[in-house]
Amino acid sequence: MSFPEDARDLPEIRHRTPIVAVVGSALCSPHEMKLAEAVGRVLAEAGATLICGGGSGVMEAACRGAKQANGLTIGILPGFHASDANPFVDIPIVTGLGEARNVIIVRTAQVVIAVGGEFGTLSEIAFALKLGRPVIGLETWELAKAGQPYPVIVRALTPEEAVRLALRSCGRLR
C-alpha cells in the first residue's frame, strides 16, 4: 500500500450537508429545552448535521429533536469518557479539554445557533464571531461595546426561523 507524499495529493473532502452547532446551557429552563428540541428536529429535517457539546440541557434537547427526525448528531465532550455523552449523541468525541472544547465545536460548524445560555454559551458565541462563523440567536445573549448595542448576533424569533437563517448563512437556502 502506498500513501500520498503530500496532503495535496488526497482527494478533496466535501461536506454533503451543513454542520450546524447548537449551543446553550446544560442547566436550562423547560422553555429553552423545548426551543432546542425544535431546532434539532428542524435541522435534521433539513438534512443538516448537528454538533454540540454532547451534554445535558440544551445540548441533549437539540440532539433528541434531531434524532426524532433521523438526524446525525456529534457531541464534542469536555471530559475523558464517551459514556458522558447524552443518549442522543451518535458520534461522541472525547477531548479531555474541558471548556476549551468550545473552540472545536464552533470551528467544526459552518454556523452556530445559540439557544438561551450562560457564560459557556457566551464563550462559544465569542469564539464563533472571532472565527468568522455566523451566529443565530434564539433568546440568547445580547452584546454591547462601549455601552452601545453591537448587533453581530442575528436574532430569530422561532426555531424554524433560526434554522432557516442558519442554512441561508451557509448557502443552503436562498
Protein backbone atom coordinates (compact mmCIF):
# COMPACT_ATOMS: atom_id res chain seq x y z
CA MET A 1 0.00 0.00 0.00
CA SER A 2 1.32 3.43 -0.84
CA PHE A 3 0.43 6.73 0.74
CA PRO A 4 0.45 10.14 -0.87
CA GLU A 5 3.59 12.07 0.00
CA ASP A 6 1.64 15.27 0.37
CA ALA A 7 -1.85 16.06 1.59
CA ARG A 8 -2.42 17.92 -1.68
CA ASP A 9 -2.48 14.51 -3.36
CA LEU A 10 -5.54 13.47 -1.37
CA PRO A 11 -9.00 13.83 -2.90
CA GLU A 12 -10.89 16.86 -1.72
CA ILE A 13 -13.36 16.07 1.05
CA ARG A 14 -16.63 17.94 0.87
CA HIS A 15 -19.42 18.10 3.39
CA ARG A 16 -22.57 16.87 1.78
CA THR A 17 -24.65 18.53 4.45
CA PRO A 18 -24.08 21.64 6.52
CA ILE A 19 -22.75 21.15 10.04
CA VAL A 20 -24.61 23.41 12.44
CA ALA A 21 -23.62 23.93 16.08
CA VAL A 22 -26.38 24.25 18.63
CA VAL A 23 -25.03 25.81 21.80
CA GLY A 24 -26.69 26.53 25.11
CA SER A 25 -26.55 25.76 28.79
CA ALA A 26 -26.51 22.33 30.40
CA LEU A 27 -28.79 23.86 33.02
CA CYS A 28 -31.69 25.45 31.20
CA SER A 29 -35.37 26.14 31.53
CA PRO A 30 -38.06 23.83 30.15
CA HIS A 31 -38.85 26.57 27.62
CA GLU A 32 -35.25 26.62 26.35
CA MET A 33 -35.30 22.82 26.14
CA LYS A 34 -38.43 22.99 24.01
CA LEU A 35 -36.82 25.56 21.70
CA ALA A 36 -33.62 23.50 21.40
CA GLU A 37 -35.53 20.29 20.66
CA ALA A 38 -37.42 22.04 17.87
CA VAL A 39 -34.17 23.47 16.46
CA GLY A 40 -32.63 20.00 16.41
CA ARG A 41 -35.67 18.47 14.73
CA VAL A 42 -35.88 21.17 12.04
CA LEU A 43 -32.14 20.93 11.37
CA ALA A 44 -32.41 17.18 10.83
CA GLU A 45 -35.48 17.59 8.62
CA ALA A 46 -33.39 19.98 6.51
CA GLY A 47 -30.59 17.40 6.25
CA ALA A 48 -28.07 19.24 8.43
CA THR A 49 -25.68 17.55 10.85
CA LEU A 50 -25.91 18.82 14.43
CA ILE A 51 -22.79 19.36 16.51
CA CYS A 52 -22.86 20.37 20.17
CA GLY A 53 -21.09 19.89 23.47
CA GLY A 54 -22.74 16.49 23.92
CA GLY A 55 -24.03 17.14 27.43
CA SER A 56 -27.40 17.76 29.03
CA GLY A 57 -29.84 20.67 28.84
CA VAL A 58 -29.95 22.50 25.51
CA MET A 59 -27.45 20.05 24.02
CA GLU A 60 -29.49 16.98 24.93
CA ALA A 61 -32.76 18.56 23.83
CA ALA A 62 -31.31 19.56 20.44
CA CYS A 63 -29.90 16.06 19.91
CA ARG A 64 -33.23 14.49 20.94
CA GLY A 65 -35.02 16.66 18.39
CA ALA A 66 -32.54 15.72 15.68
CA LYS A 67 -32.93 12.02 16.43
CA GLN A 68 -36.75 12.36 16.18
CA ALA A 69 -36.14 13.28 12.54
CA ASN A 70 -33.39 10.66 11.99
CA GLY A 71 -30.63 13.28 12.00
CA LEU A 72 -26.93 12.82 12.71
CA THR A 73 -25.56 14.23 15.96
CA ILE A 74 -21.98 14.85 17.08
CA GLY A 75 -21.01 15.62 20.68
CA ILE A 76 -17.67 17.25 21.47
CA LEU A 77 -17.23 16.17 25.07
CA PRO A 78 -15.23 18.12 27.65
CA GLY A 79 -14.17 15.07 29.65
CA PHE A 80 -12.48 11.72 29.18
CA HIS A 81 -15.38 9.29 28.69
CA ALA A 82 -17.67 8.72 25.72
CA SER A 83 -20.25 7.44 28.19
CA ASP A 84 -20.67 11.05 29.41
CA ALA A 85 -22.48 11.93 26.18
CA ASN A 86 -26.22 12.35 26.29
CA PRO A 87 -28.13 9.33 24.92
CA PHE A 88 -28.96 11.11 21.65
CA VAL A 89 -25.35 11.67 20.52
CA ASP A 90 -24.40 9.44 17.60
CA ILE A 91 -20.71 10.34 17.48
CA PRO A 92 -19.16 11.24 20.84
CA ILE A 93 -15.74 12.85 20.52
CA VAL A 94 -13.79 12.70 23.76
CA THR A 95 -11.41 15.64 24.20
CA GLY A 96 -10.36 15.92 27.84
CA LEU A 97 -10.20 19.66 27.15
CA GLY A 98 -12.90 20.96 29.47
CA GLU A 99 -14.41 24.22 28.26
CA ALA A 100 -11.63 24.60 25.69
CA ARG A 101 -13.60 22.11 23.61
CA ASN A 102 -15.91 25.03 22.76
CA VAL A 103 -13.41 26.14 20.12
CA ILE A 104 -13.62 22.73 18.44
CA ILE A 105 -17.41 22.90 18.34
CA VAL A 106 -17.57 26.29 16.63
CA ARG A 107 -14.57 25.70 14.36
CA THR A 108 -16.19 22.50 13.05
CA ALA A 109 -19.54 24.16 12.42
CA GLN A 110 -20.35 26.39 9.48
CA VAL A 111 -22.84 28.34 11.58
CA VAL A 112 -23.87 28.50 15.26
CA ILE A 113 -27.36 28.63 16.72
CA ALA A 114 -27.32 29.82 20.35
CA VAL A 115 -30.36 28.93 22.45
CA GLY A 116 -30.51 30.77 25.77
CA GLY A 117 -27.25 30.08 27.56
CA GLU A 118 -24.87 31.00 30.32
CA PHE A 119 -21.19 32.00 30.25
CA GLY A 120 -20.10 28.85 28.40
CA THR A 121 -22.54 29.74 25.64
CA LEU A 122 -21.21 33.29 25.63
CA SER A 123 -17.70 31.90 25.10
CA GLU A 124 -18.96 29.81 22.15
CA ILE A 125 -20.61 32.90 20.67
CA ALA A 126 -17.37 34.88 21.07
CA PHE A 127 -15.24 32.12 19.53
CA ALA A 128 -17.68 31.79 16.63
CA LEU A 129 -17.59 35.52 15.93
CA LYS A 130 -13.79 35.58 16.23
CA LEU A 131 -13.57 32.69 13.74
CA GLY A 132 -15.99 34.33 11.31
CA ARG A 133 -18.87 31.93 11.90
CA PRO A 134 -22.36 33.42 11.72
CA VAL A 135 -24.29 33.28 14.99
CA ILE A 136 -28.05 32.97 15.08
CA GLY A 137 -29.57 33.81 18.46
CA LEU A 138 -32.75 32.38 19.89
CA GLU A 139 -33.46 34.05 23.24
CA THR A 140 -29.73 34.33 23.91
CA TRP A 141 -27.13 36.94 24.81
CA GLU A 142 -27.12 40.49 23.51
CA LEU A 143 -23.76 42.17 23.03
CA ALA A 144 -22.74 45.78 23.57
CA LYS A 145 -19.47 47.61 23.01
CA ALA A 146 -18.71 50.83 24.89
CA GLY A 147 -22.31 50.84 26.06
CA GLN A 148 -23.71 50.71 22.55
CA PRO A 149 -25.56 47.71 21.10
CA TYR A 150 -23.24 45.59 18.96
CA PRO A 151 -25.64 43.65 16.73
CA VAL A 152 -23.43 40.80 15.49
CA ILE A 153 -25.85 38.04 16.55
CA VAL A 154 -28.66 37.55 14.05
CA ARG A 155 -31.89 37.32 16.01
CA ALA A 156 -34.52 34.66 15.36
CA LEU A 157 -37.96 34.53 16.95
CA THR A 158 -38.71 30.84 16.38
CA PRO A 159 -36.74 27.61 15.98
CA GLU A 160 -37.84 27.41 12.35
CA GLU A 161 -36.59 30.92 11.65
CA ALA A 162 -33.29 30.15 13.41
CA VAL A 163 -32.71 27.12 11.19
CA ARG A 164 -33.75 28.99 8.05
CA LEU A 165 -31.33 31.83 8.84
CA ALA A 166 -28.55 29.36 9.70
CA LEU A 167 -28.93 27.40 6.48
CA ARG A 168 -29.16 30.59 4.45
CA SER A 169 -25.93 31.85 6.03
CA CYS A 170 -24.04 28.77 4.85
CA GLY A 171 -25.51 28.92 1.35
CA ARG A 172 -28.05 26.10 1.68
CA LEU A 173 -31.16 28.30 1.31
CA ARG A 174 -31.88 31.42 -0.66
